[in-house]
PDB file of all heavy atoms in Angstrom:
ATOM      1  N   GLY A   1      -8.198 191.915  82.253  1.00  0.00           N
ATOM      2  CA  GLY A   1      -6.752 191.716  82.310  1.00  0.00           C
ATOM      3  C   GLY A   1      -6.239 190.930  83.488  1.00  0.00           C
ATOM      4  O   GLY A   1      -5.078 191.106  83.880  1.00  0.00           O
ATOM      5  N   LEU A   2      -7.060 190.046  84.051  1.00  0.00           N
ATOM      6  CA  LEU A   2      -6.671 189.255  85.227  1.00  0.00           C
ATOM      7  C   LEU A   2      -6.701 187.760  84.895  1.00  0.00           C
ATOM      8  O   LEU A   2      -7.684 187.258  84.350  1.00  0.00           O
ATOM      9  CB  LEU A   2      -7.626 189.565  86.384  1.00  0.00           C
ATOM     10  CG  LEU A   2      -7.360 188.883  87.730  1.00  0.00           C
ATOM     11  CD1 LEU A   2      -5.986 189.224  88.258  1.00  0.00           C
ATOM     12  CD2 LEU A   2      -8.446 189.262  88.725  1.00  0.00           C
ATOM     13  N   VAL A   3      -5.614 187.070  85.201  1.00  0.00           N
ATOM     14  CA  VAL A   3      -5.519 185.624  84.932  1.00  0.00           C
ATOM     15  C   VAL A   3      -5.136 184.899  86.211  1.00  0.00           C
ATOM     16  O   VAL A   3      -4.225 185.340  86.943  1.00  0.00           O
ATOM     17  CB  VAL A   3      -4.480 185.322  83.831  1.00  0.00           C
ATOM     18  CG1 VAL A   3      -4.259 183.818  83.701  1.00  0.00           C
ATOM     19  CG2 VAL A   3      -4.943 185.892  82.500  1.00  0.00           C
ATOM     20  N   VAL A   4      -5.830 183.792  86.500  1.00  0.00           N
ATOM     21  CA  VAL A   4      -5.565 182.960  87.669  1.00  0.00           C
ATOM     22  C   VAL A   4      -5.046 181.600  87.227  1.00  0.00           C
ATOM     23  O   VAL A   4      -5.645 180.954  86.354  1.00  0.00           O
ATOM     24  CB  VAL A   4      -6.831 182.790  88.525  1.00  0.00           C
ATOM     25  CG1 VAL A   4      -6.612 181.727  89.602  1.00  0.00           C
ATOM     26  CG2 VAL A   4      -7.228 184.105  89.176  1.00  0.00           C
ATOM     27  N   LEU A   5      -3.938 181.170  87.824  1.00  0.00           N
ATOM     28  CA  LEU A   5      -3.504 179.782  87.694  1.00  0.00           C
ATOM     29  C   LEU A   5      -4.109 179.023  88.869  1.00  0.00           C
ATOM     30  O   LEU A   5      -3.801 179.332  90.035  1.00  0.00           O
ATOM     31  CB  LEU A   5      -1.975 179.673  87.743  1.00  0.00           C
ATOM     32  CG  LEU A   5      -1.176 180.380  86.652  1.00  0.00           C
ATOM     33  CD1 LEU A   5       0.313 180.092  86.819  1.00  0.00           C
ATOM     34  CD2 LEU A   5      -1.641 179.970  85.267  1.00  0.00           C
ATOM     35  N   PRO A   6      -4.975 178.034  88.610  1.00  0.00           N
ATOM     36  CA  PRO A   6      -5.733 177.403  89.710  1.00  0.00           C
ATOM     37  C   PRO A   6      -4.979 176.272  90.397  1.00  0.00           C
ATOM     38  O   PRO A   6      -5.554 175.225  90.702  1.00  0.00           O
ATOM     39  CB  PRO A   6      -6.970 176.879  88.971  1.00  0.00           C
ATOM     40  CG  PRO A   6      -6.443 176.507  87.622  1.00  0.00           C
ATOM     41  CD  PRO A   6      -5.378 177.526  87.297  1.00  0.00           C
ATOM     42  N   TYR A   7      -3.705 176.482  90.673  1.00  0.00           N
ATOM     43  CA  TYR A   7      -2.872 175.417  91.244  1.00  0.00           C
ATOM     44  C   TYR A   7      -2.779 175.585  92.769  1.00  0.00           C
ATOM     45  O   TYR A   7      -1.684 175.607  93.335  1.00  0.00           O
ATOM     46  CB  TYR A   7      -1.486 175.441  90.613  1.00  0.00           C
ATOM     47  CG  TYR A   7      -1.466 175.419  89.102  1.00  0.00           C
ATOM     48  CD1 TYR A   7      -0.439 176.024  88.385  1.00  0.00           C
ATOM     49  CD2 TYR A   7      -2.469 174.793  88.379  1.00  0.00           C
ATOM     50  CE1 TYR A   7      -0.384 175.997  86.999  1.00  0.00           C
ATOM     51  CE2 TYR A   7      -2.448 174.763  86.985  1.00  0.00           C
ATOM     52  CZ  TYR A   7      -1.408 175.379  86.310  1.00  0.00           C
ATOM     53  OH  TYR A   7      -1.383 175.354  84.929  1.00  0.00           O
ATOM     54  N   PHE A   8      -3.917 175.650  93.426  1.00  0.00           N
ATOM     55  CA  PHE A   8      -3.953 175.975  94.854  1.00  0.00           C
ATOM     56  C   PHE A   8      -3.566 174.791  95.741  1.00  0.00           C
ATOM     57  O   PHE A   8      -3.344 174.977  96.935  1.00  0.00           O
ATOM     58  CB  PHE A   8      -5.337 176.493  95.248  1.00  0.00           C
ATOM     59  CG  PHE A   8      -5.605 177.919  94.850  1.00  0.00           C
ATOM     60  CD1 PHE A   8      -5.319 178.385  93.563  1.00  0.00           C
ATOM     61  CD2 PHE A   8      -6.128 178.815  95.757  1.00  0.00           C
ATOM     62  CE1 PHE A   8      -5.571 179.699  93.194  1.00  0.00           C
ATOM     63  CE2 PHE A   8      -6.378 180.142  95.395  1.00  0.00           C
ATOM     64  CZ  PHE A   8      -6.086 180.591  94.110  1.00  0.00           C
ATOM     65  N   SER A   9      -3.514 173.600  95.170  1.00  0.00           N
ATOM     66  CA  SER A   9      -3.016 172.424  95.903  1.00  0.00           C
ATOM     67  C   SER A   9      -2.019 171.678  95.039  1.00  0.00           C
ATOM     68  O   SER A   9      -2.033 170.450  94.937  1.00  0.00           O
ATOM     69  CB  SER A   9      -4.181 171.496  96.279  1.00  0.00           C
ATOM     70  OG  SER A   9      -5.036 172.095  97.217  1.00  0.00           O
ATOM     71  N   GLY A  10      -1.112 172.459  94.405  1.00  0.00           N
ATOM     72  CA  GLY A  10      -0.288 171.849  93.374  1.00  0.00           C
ATOM     73  C   GLY A  10      -1.188 171.571  92.177  1.00  0.00           C
ATOM     74  O   GLY A  10      -2.309 172.052  92.092  1.00  0.00           O
ATOM     75  N   GLU A  11      -0.706 170.774  91.249  1.00  0.00           N
ATOM     76  CA  GLU A  11      -1.556 170.415  90.110  1.00  0.00           C
ATOM     77  C   GLU A  11      -1.279 168.993  89.667  1.00  0.00           C
ATOM     78  O   GLU A  11      -0.131 168.509  89.717  1.00  0.00           O
ATOM     79  CB  GLU A  11      -1.338 171.370  88.935  1.00  0.00           C
ATOM     80  CG  GLU A  11      -2.307 171.161  87.772  1.00  0.00           C
ATOM     81  CD  GLU A  11      -3.793 171.216  88.174  1.00  0.00           C
ATOM     82  OE1 GLU A  11      -4.205 170.375  89.004  1.00  0.00           O
ATOM     83  OE2 GLU A  11      -4.506 172.067  87.641  1.00  0.00           O
ATOM     84  N   ARG A  12      -2.352 168.320  89.312  1.00  0.00           N
ATOM     85  CA  ARG A  12      -2.229 166.973  88.753  1.00  0.00           C
ATOM     86  C   ARG A  12      -1.964 167.121  87.262  1.00  0.00           C
ATOM     87  O   ARG A  12      -0.979 167.732  86.854  1.00  0.00           O
ATOM     88  CB  ARG A  12      -3.500 166.174  89.080  1.00  0.00           C
ATOM     89  CG  ARG A  12      -3.683 165.966  90.591  1.00  0.00           C
ATOM     90  CD  ARG A  12      -4.743 164.926  90.907  1.00  0.00           C
ATOM     91  NE  ARG A  12      -6.091 165.433  90.725  1.00  0.00           N
ATOM     92  CZ  ARG A  12      -7.188 164.684  90.814  1.00  0.00           C
ATOM     93  NH1 ARG A  12      -7.081 163.383  91.047  1.00  0.00           N
ATOM     94  NH2 ARG A  12      -8.391 165.206  90.658  1.00  0.00           N
ATOM     95  N   THR A  13      -2.797 166.582  86.438  1.00  0.00           N
ATOM     96  CA  THR A  13      -2.588 166.677  84.996  1.00  0.00           C
ATOM     97  C   THR A  13      -2.974 168.061  84.497  1.00  0.00           C
ATOM     98  O   THR A  13      -3.817 168.738  85.110  1.00  0.00           O
ATOM     99  CB  THR A  13      -3.436 165.625  84.266  1.00  0.00           C
ATOM    100  OG1 THR A  13      -4.799 165.781  84.673  1.00  0.00           O
ATOM    101  CG2 THR A  13      -2.966 164.219  84.600  1.00  0.00           C
ATOM    102  N   PRO A  14      -2.447 168.539  83.365  1.00  0.00           N
ATOM    103  CA  PRO A  14      -1.384 167.898  82.582  1.00  0.00           C
ATOM    104  C   PRO A  14       0.036 168.195  83.058  1.00  0.00           C
ATOM    105  O   PRO A  14       0.986 167.622  82.531  1.00  0.00           O
ATOM    106  CB  PRO A  14      -1.581 168.490  81.174  1.00  0.00           C
ATOM    107  CG  PRO A  14      -2.861 169.195  81.168  1.00  0.00           C
ATOM    108  CD  PRO A  14      -3.093 169.630  82.588  1.00  0.00           C
ATOM    109  N   ILE A  15       0.244 169.087  84.081  1.00  0.00           N
ATOM    110  CA  ILE A  15       1.607 169.463  84.420  1.00  0.00           C
ATOM    111  C   ILE A  15       2.226 168.579  85.489  1.00  0.00           C
ATOM    112  O   ILE A  15       3.452 168.503  85.614  1.00  0.00           O
ATOM    113  CB  ILE A  15       1.699 170.943  84.829  1.00  0.00           C
ATOM    114  CG1 ILE A  15       0.953 171.196  86.144  1.00  0.00           C
ATOM    115  CG2 ILE A  15       1.168 171.853  83.716  1.00  0.00           C
ATOM    116  CD1 ILE A  15       1.176 172.586  86.712  1.00  0.00           C
ATOM    117  N   ASN A  16       1.386 167.903  86.299  1.00  0.00           N
ATOM    118  CA  ASN A  16       1.871 166.953  87.306  1.00  0.00           C
ATOM    119  C   ASN A  16       2.979 167.553  88.184  1.00  0.00           C
ATOM    120  O   ASN A  16       4.117 167.082  88.204  1.00  0.00           O
ATOM    121  CB  ASN A  16       2.366 165.672  86.623  1.00  0.00           C
ATOM    122  CG  ASN A  16       1.239 164.924  85.947  1.00  0.00           C
ATOM    123  OD1 ASN A  16       0.246 164.607  86.571  1.00  0.00           O
ATOM    124  ND2 ASN A  16       1.383 164.675  84.642  1.00  0.00           N
ATOM    125  N   ASP A  17       2.640 168.588  88.904  1.00  0.00           N
ATOM    126  CA  ASP A  17       3.620 169.305  89.718  1.00  0.00           C
ATOM    127  C   ASP A  17       2.992 169.653  91.064  1.00  0.00           C
ATOM    128  O   ASP A  17       2.171 170.570  91.166  1.00  0.00           O
ATOM    129  CB  ASP A  17       4.071 170.573  88.994  1.00  0.00           C
ATOM    130  CG  ASP A  17       5.144 171.344  89.748  1.00  0.00           C
ATOM    131  OD1 ASP A  17       5.537 170.908  90.859  1.00  0.00           O
ATOM    132  OD2 ASP A  17       5.595 172.384  89.235  1.00  0.00           O
ATOM    133  N   ASP A  18       3.405 168.945  92.108  1.00  0.00           N
ATOM    134  CA  ASP A  18       2.824 169.207  93.441  1.00  0.00           C
ATOM    135  C   ASP A  18       3.315 170.534  94.018  1.00  0.00           C
ATOM    136  O   ASP A  18       2.719 171.047  94.968  1.00  0.00           O
ATOM    137  CB  ASP A  18       3.138 168.065  94.394  1.00  0.00           C
ATOM    138  CG  ASP A  18       4.620 167.998  94.758  1.00  0.00           C
ATOM    139  OD1 ASP A  18       5.450 167.996  93.825  1.00  0.00           O
ATOM    140  OD2 ASP A  18       4.950 167.902  95.954  1.00  0.00           O
ATOM    141  N   ALA A  19       4.396 171.076  93.467  1.00  0.00           N
ATOM    142  CA  ALA A  19       4.917 172.350  93.961  1.00  0.00           C
ATOM    143  C   ALA A  19       4.414 173.539  93.151  1.00  0.00           C
ATOM    144  O   ALA A  19       4.824 174.662  93.405  1.00  0.00           O
ATOM    145  CB  ALA A  19       6.440 172.331  93.959  1.00  0.00           C
ATOM    146  N   ALA A  20       3.522 173.310  92.177  1.00  0.00           N
ATOM    147  CA  ALA A  20       2.871 174.431  91.504  1.00  0.00           C
ATOM    148  C   ALA A  20       1.976 175.145  92.520  1.00  0.00           C
ATOM    149  O   ALA A  20       1.482 174.529  93.458  1.00  0.00           O
ATOM    150  CB  ALA A  20       2.045 173.939  90.322  1.00  0.00           C
ATOM    151  N   ARG A  21       1.792 176.450  92.325  1.00  0.00           N
ATOM    152  CA  ARG A  21       1.014 177.209  93.302  1.00  0.00           C
ATOM    153  C   ARG A  21       0.035 178.137  92.604  1.00  0.00           C
ATOM    154  O   ARG A  21       0.266 178.607  91.481  1.00  0.00           O
ATOM    155  CB  ARG A  21       1.943 178.021  94.205  1.00  0.00           C
ATOM    156  CG  ARG A  21       2.677 177.183  95.245  1.00  0.00           C
ATOM    157  CD  ARG A  21       1.693 176.512  96.208  1.00  0.00           C
ATOM    158  NE  ARG A  21       2.333 175.672  97.197  1.00  0.00           N
ATOM    159  CZ  ARG A  21       2.462 174.360  97.093  1.00  0.00           C
ATOM    160  NH1 ARG A  21       2.020 173.737  96.004  1.00  0.00           N
ATOM    161  NH2 ARG A  21       3.022 173.653  98.051  1.00  0.00           N
ATOM    162  N   GLY A  22      -1.089 178.397  93.278  1.00  0.00           N
ATOM    163  CA  GLY A  22      -2.090 179.308  92.756  1.00  0.00           C
ATOM    164  C   GLY A  22      -1.510 180.690  92.584  1.00  0.00           C
ATOM    165  O   GLY A  22      -0.738 181.182  93.421  1.00  0.00           O
ATOM    166  N   THR A  23      -1.857 181.320  91.459  1.00  0.00           N
ATOM    167  CA  THR A  23      -1.266 182.608  91.115  1.00  0.00           C
ATOM    168  C   THR A  23      -2.314 183.506  90.482  1.00  0.00           C
ATOM    169  O   THR A  23      -3.113 183.064  89.665  1.00  0.00           O
ATOM    170  CB  THR A  23      -0.117 182.405  90.097  1.00  0.00           C
ATOM    171  OG1 THR A  23       0.787 181.424  90.604  1.00  0.00           O
ATOM    172  CG2 THR A  23       0.641 183.700  89.844  1.00  0.00           C
ATOM    173  N   MET A  24      -2.306 184.782  90.863  1.00  0.00           N
ATOM    174  CA  MET A  24      -3.134 185.803  90.219  1.00  0.00           C
ATOM    175  C   MET A  24      -2.210 186.831  89.581  1.00  0.00           C
ATOM    176  O   MET A  24      -1.373 187.421  90.272  1.00  0.00           O
ATOM    177  CB  MET A  24      -4.066 186.476  91.219  1.00  0.00           C
ATOM    178  CG  MET A  24      -5.071 185.533  91.861  1.00  0.00           C
ATOM    179  SD  MET A  24      -6.166 186.385  93.030  1.00  0.00           S
ATOM    180  CE  MET A  24      -7.029 184.978  93.750  1.00  0.00           C
ATOM    181  N   VAL A  25      -2.359 187.038  88.288  1.00  0.00           N
ATOM    182  CA  VAL A  25      -1.492 187.957  87.566  1.00  0.00           C
ATOM    183  C   VAL A  25      -2.353 189.011  86.870  1.00  0.00           C
ATOM    184  O   VAL A  25      -3.314 188.678  86.186  1.00  0.00           O
ATOM    185  CB  VAL A  25      -0.636 187.220  86.526  1.00  0.00           C
ATOM    186  CG1 VAL A  25       0.225 188.211  85.731  1.00  0.00           C
ATOM    187  CG2 VAL A  25       0.267 186.197  87.222  1.00  0.00           C
ATOM    188  N   GLY A  26      -1.991 190.294  87.066  1.00  0.00           N
ATOM    189  CA  GLY A  26      -2.692 191.375  86.388  1.00  0.00           C
ATOM    190  C   GLY A  26      -3.538 192.234  87.300  1.00  0.00           C
ATOM    191  O   GLY A  26      -4.289 193.094  86.828  1.00  0.00           O
ATOM    192  N   LEU A  27      -3.452 192.035  88.606  1.00  0.00           N
ATOM    193  CA  LEU A  27      -4.279 192.791  89.549  1.00  0.00           C
ATOM    194  C   LEU A  27      -3.979 194.286  89.498  1.00  0.00           C
ATOM    195  O   LEU A  27      -2.817 194.692  89.421  1.00  0.00           O
ATOM    196  CB  LEU A  27      -4.062 192.283  90.962  1.00  0.00           C
ATOM    197  CG  LEU A  27      -4.819 191.021  91.383  1.00  0.00           C
ATOM    198  CD1 LEU A  27      -4.263 190.509  92.708  1.00  0.00           C
ATOM    199  CD2 LEU A  27      -6.318 191.276  91.488  1.00  0.00           C
ATOM    200  N   THR A  28      -5.028 195.071  89.540  1.00  0.00           N
ATOM    201  CA  THR A  28      -4.913 196.525  89.639  1.00  0.00           C
ATOM    202  C   THR A  28      -5.893 197.006  90.708  1.00  0.00           C
ATOM    203  O   THR A  28      -6.754 196.257  91.175  1.00  0.00           O
ATOM    204  CB  THR A  28      -5.242 197.222  88.307  1.00  0.00           C
ATOM    205  OG1 THR A  28      -6.659 197.099  88.065  1.00  0.00           O
ATOM    206  CG2 THR A  28      -4.472 196.606  87.149  1.00  0.00           C
ATOM    207  N   LEU A  29      -5.788 198.284  91.040  1.00  0.00           N
ATOM    208  CA  LEU A  29      -6.700 198.856  92.034  1.00  0.00           C
ATOM    209  C   LEU A  29      -8.129 198.949  91.530  1.00  0.00           C
ATOM    210  O   LEU A  29      -9.051 199.174  92.311  1.00  0.00           O
ATOM    211  CB  LEU A  29      -6.186 200.239  92.461  1.00  0.00           C
ATOM    212  CG  LEU A  29      -4.880 200.250  93.268  1.00  0.00           C
ATOM    213  CD1 LEU A  29      -4.440 201.688  93.540  1.00  0.00           C
ATOM    214  CD2 LEU A  29      -5.028 199.474  94.568  1.00  0.00           C
ATOM    215  N   SER A  30      -8.319 198.789  90.240  1.00  0.00           N
ATOM    216  CA  SER A  30      -9.678 198.835  89.688  1.00  0.00           C
ATOM    217  C   SER A  30     -10.397 197.510  89.759  1.00  0.00           C
ATOM    218  O   SER A  30     -11.601 197.429  89.520  1.00  0.00           O
ATOM    219  CB  SER A  30      -9.648 199.329  88.239  1.00  0.00           C
ATOM    220  OG  SER A  30      -8.954 198.404  87.425  1.00  0.00           O
ATOM    221  N   HIS A  31      -9.659 196.441  90.090  1.00  0.00           N
ATOM    222  CA  HIS A  31     -10.285 195.127  90.197  1.00  0.00           C
ATOM    223  C   HIS A  31     -11.068 195.010  91.500  1.00  0.00           C
ATOM    224  O   HIS A  31     -10.620 195.471  92.544  1.00  0.00           O
ATOM    225  CB  HIS A  31      -9.253 194.008  90.108  1.00  0.00           C
ATOM    226  CG  HIS A  31      -8.747 193.769  88.721  1.00  0.00           C
ATOM    227  ND1 HIS A  31      -7.455 194.052  88.321  1.00  0.00           N
ATOM    228  CD2 HIS A  31      -9.372 193.297  87.606  1.00  0.00           C
ATOM    229  CE1 HIS A  31      -7.299 193.739  87.040  1.00  0.00           C
ATOM    230  NE2 HIS A  31      -8.453 193.281  86.592  1.00  0.00           N
ATOM    231  N   THR A  32     -12.224 194.348  91.408  1.00  0.00           N
ATOM    232  CA  THR A  32     -13.065 194.088  92.579  1.00  0.00           C
ATOM    233  C   THR A  32     -13.023 192.605  92.915  1.00  0.00           C
ATOM    234  O   THR A  32     -12.460 191.794  92.187  1.00  0.00           O
ATOM    235  CB  THR A  32     -14.514 194.481  92.299  1.00  0.00           C
ATOM    236  OG1 THR A  32     -15.056 193.579  91.298  1.00  0.00           O
ATOM    237  CG2 THR A  32     -14.603 195.913  91.772  1.00  0.00           C
ATOM    238  N   LYS A  33     -13.646 192.292  94.054  1.00  0.00           N
ATOM    239  CA  LYS A  33     -13.733 190.874  94.425  1.00  0.00           C
ATOM    240  C   LYS A  33     -14.452 190.058  93.351  1.00  0.00           C
ATOM    241  O   LYS A  33     -14.173 188.875  93.158  1.00  0.00           O
ATOM    242  CB  LYS A  33     -14.447 190.713  95.779  1.00  0.00           C
ATOM    243  CG  LYS A  33     -15.888 191.173  95.788  1.00  0.00           C
ATOM    244  CD  LYS A  33     -16.590 190.797  97.084  1.00  0.00           C
ATOM    245  CE  LYS A  33     -16.026 191.508  98.281  1.00  0.00           C
ATOM    246  NZ  LYS A  33     -16.371 192.942  98.321  1.00  0.00           N
ATOM    247  N   PHE A  34     -15.351 190.697  92.620  1.00  0.00           N
ATOM    248  CA  PHE A  34     -16.103 189.983  91.596  1.00  0.00           C
ATOM    249  C   PHE A  34     -15.232 189.712  90.363  1.00  0.00           C
ATOM    250  O   PHE A  34     -15.428 188.709  89.681  1.00  0.00           O
ATOM    251  CB  PHE A  34     -17.352 190.768  91.211  1.00  0.00           C
ATOM    252  CG  PHE A  34     -18.218 191.082  92.409  1.00  0.00           C
ATOM    253  CD1 PHE A  34     -18.336 192.376  92.904  1.00  0.00           C
ATOM    254  CD2 PHE A  34     -18.870 190.062  93.079  1.00  0.00           C
ATOM    255  CE1 PHE A  34     -19.099 192.648  94.014  1.00  0.00           C
ATOM    256  CE2 PHE A  34     -19.652 190.325  94.206  1.00  0.00           C
ATOM    257  CZ  PHE A  34     -19.762 191.627  94.672  1.00  0.00           C
ATOM    258  N   HIS A  35     -14.257 190.596  90.094  1.00  0.00           N
ATOM    259  CA  HIS A  35     -13.272 190.300  89.047  1.00  0.00           C
ATOM    260  C   HIS A  35     -12.462 189.062  89.424  1.00  0.00           C
ATOM    261  O   HIS A  35     -12.228 188.176  88.608  1.00  0.00           O
ATOM    262  CB  HIS A  35     -12.315 191.494  88.856  1.00  0.00           C
ATOM    263  CG  HIS A  35     -12.882 192.658  88.125  1.00  0.00           C
ATOM    264  ND1 HIS A  35     -13.590 193.661  88.756  1.00  0.00           N
ATOM    265  CD2 HIS A  35     -12.845 192.994  86.808  1.00  0.00           C
ATOM    266  CE1 HIS A  35     -13.953 194.562  87.867  1.00  0.00           C
ATOM    267  NE2 HIS A  35     -13.518 194.189  86.666  1.00  0.00           N
ATOM    268  N   VAL A  36     -12.041 189.039  90.688  1.00  0.00           N
ATOM    269  CA  VAL A  36     -11.226 187.899  91.133  1.00  0.00           C
ATOM    270  C   VAL A  36     -12.045 186.618  91.065  1.00  0.00           C
ATOM    271  O   VAL A  36     -11.555 185.568  90.617  1.00  0.00           O
ATOM    272  CB  VAL A  36     -10.707 188.138  92.570  1.00  0.00           C
ATOM    273  CG1 VAL A  36      -9.972 186.906  93.085  1.00  0.00           C
ATOM    274  CG2 VAL A  36      -9.793 189.361  92.596  1.00  0.00           C
TER     275      VAL A  36
END
């Protein structure tokens, strides 16, 4: 149940947005570093 948006330096294609940012959604206390 964990999803990452890999926009850690903005994003080029297909969204072309330098202000996009890396995001992790769905984190719980049961997640480990290996889940991430």
